Amino acid sequence: MTLPKFLLGLVCTTIIVTMWSLYDGADFVTVAIRAVIVLVILQIGYFCFILMKVRAQQKPKVDEKAPTDAKTYSKSEPLKKRVS
């Protein structure tokens, strides 16, 4: 989810909660508290979502069994078989 999509959803959700609270007959302080609570909950959820995506994209660990002194070949040099 990109940041603009998140912000659009955040604004729409906050407007819906605010209008619902006003329709319910809540006073201004209650409406403001509900809007702030919705904003905080959505921000925490977005942070957790991004954190999970970053953890899922971590690089795999380096294989410790791989030889470190292996000879490298250039593209122009043909690969030759080793004779043991």
Protein backbone atom coordinates (compact mmCIF):
# COMPACT_ATOMS: atom_id res chain seq x y z
CA MET A 1 0.00 0.00 0.00
CA THR A 2 1.44 3.31 -1.00
CA LEU A 3 1.40 6.40 1.21
CA PRO A 4 -1.13 8.35 -0.92
CA LYS A 5 -3.57 5.42 -0.77
CA PHE A 6 -3.10 5.21 2.99
CA LEU A 7 -3.66 8.95 3.42
CA LEU A 8 -6.81 8.85 1.31
CA GLY A 9 -8.16 5.96 3.37
CA LEU A 10 -7.19 7.74 6.58
CA VAL A 11 -9.02 10.92 5.59
CA CYS A 12 -12.12 9.06 4.36
CA THR A 13 -12.31 6.92 7.49
CA THR A 14 -11.89 9.94 9.76
CA ILE A 15 -14.64 11.83 7.89
CA ILE A 16 -16.98 8.84 8.16
CA VAL A 17 -16.35 8.47 11.90
CA THR A 18 -16.80 12.21 12.42
CA MET A 19 -20.06 12.35 10.47
CA TRP A 20 -21.36 9.23 12.20
CA SER A 21 -20.56 10.76 15.58
CA LEU A 22 -22.32 14.02 14.65
CA TYR A 23 -25.33 12.07 13.38
CA ASP A 24 -25.36 10.15 16.66
CA GLY A 25 -25.71 13.45 18.51
CA ALA A 26 -22.30 13.49 20.22
CA ASP A 27 -20.88 16.81 21.38
CA PHE A 28 -17.81 18.41 19.80
CA VAL A 29 -15.33 17.05 22.38
CA THR A 30 -16.54 13.48 21.90
CA VAL A 31 -16.36 13.83 18.12
CA ALA A 32 -12.79 15.16 18.36
CA ILE A 33 -11.72 12.35 20.73
CA ARG A 34 -13.22 9.71 18.42
CA ALA A 35 -11.47 11.23 15.39
CA VAL A 36 -8.12 11.29 17.19
CA ILE A 37 -8.55 7.69 18.34
CA VAL A 38 -9.32 6.59 14.77
CA LEU A 39 -6.27 8.46 13.46
CA VAL A 40 -3.98 6.86 16.05
CA ILE A 41 -5.32 3.34 15.47
CA LEU A 42 -4.93 3.63 11.69
CA GLN A 43 -1.41 5.04 12.01
CA ILE A 44 -0.34 2.19 14.31
CA GLY A 45 -1.84 -0.32 11.88
CA TYR A 46 -0.01 1.23 8.93
CA PHE A 47 3.27 1.20 10.85
CA CYS A 48 2.83 -2.50 11.70
CA PHE A 49 1.97 -3.25 8.07
CA ILE A 50 5.12 -1.54 6.79
CA LEU A 51 7.23 -3.24 9.47
CA MET A 52 5.95 -6.67 8.41
CA LYS A 53 6.69 -5.91 4.75
CA VAL A 54 10.25 -4.85 5.58
CA ARG A 55 10.86 -7.98 7.64
CA ALA A 56 9.52 -10.16 4.85
CA GLN A 57 11.97 -8.63 2.36
CA GLN A 58 15.11 -9.15 4.45
CA LYS A 59 18.03 -10.66 2.56
CA PRO A 60 18.65 -14.37 3.05
CA LYS A 61 21.58 -15.34 5.24
CA VAL A 62 24.88 -16.11 3.55
CA ASP A 63 25.59 -19.82 3.21
CA GLU A 64 28.57 -20.54 5.46
CA LYS A 65 29.38 -23.78 3.63
CA ALA A 66 30.04 -22.04 0.33
CA PRO A 67 33.72 -21.93 -0.63
CA THR A 68 35.27 -18.50 -0.28
CA ASP A 69 38.36 -19.18 -2.42
CA ALA A 70 36.49 -20.29 -5.54
CA LYS A 71 38.03 -19.12 -8.79
CA THR A 72 35.90 -16.68 -10.73
CA TYR A 73 35.74 -16.68 -14.50
CA SER A 74 35.08 -13.79 -16.80
CA LYS A 75 32.39 -14.03 -19.47
CA SER A 76 34.97 -14.24 -22.23
CA GLU A 77 36.90 -17.11 -20.62
CA PRO A 78 35.30 -20.52 -21.23
CA LEU A 79 34.49 -22.63 -18.21
CA LYS A 80 36.88 -25.59 -17.98
CA LYS A 81 36.31 -28.87 -16.15
CA ARG A 82 38.48 -29.54 -13.16
CA VAL A 83 40.54 -32.72 -13.17
CA SER A 84 40.92 -34.20 -9.71
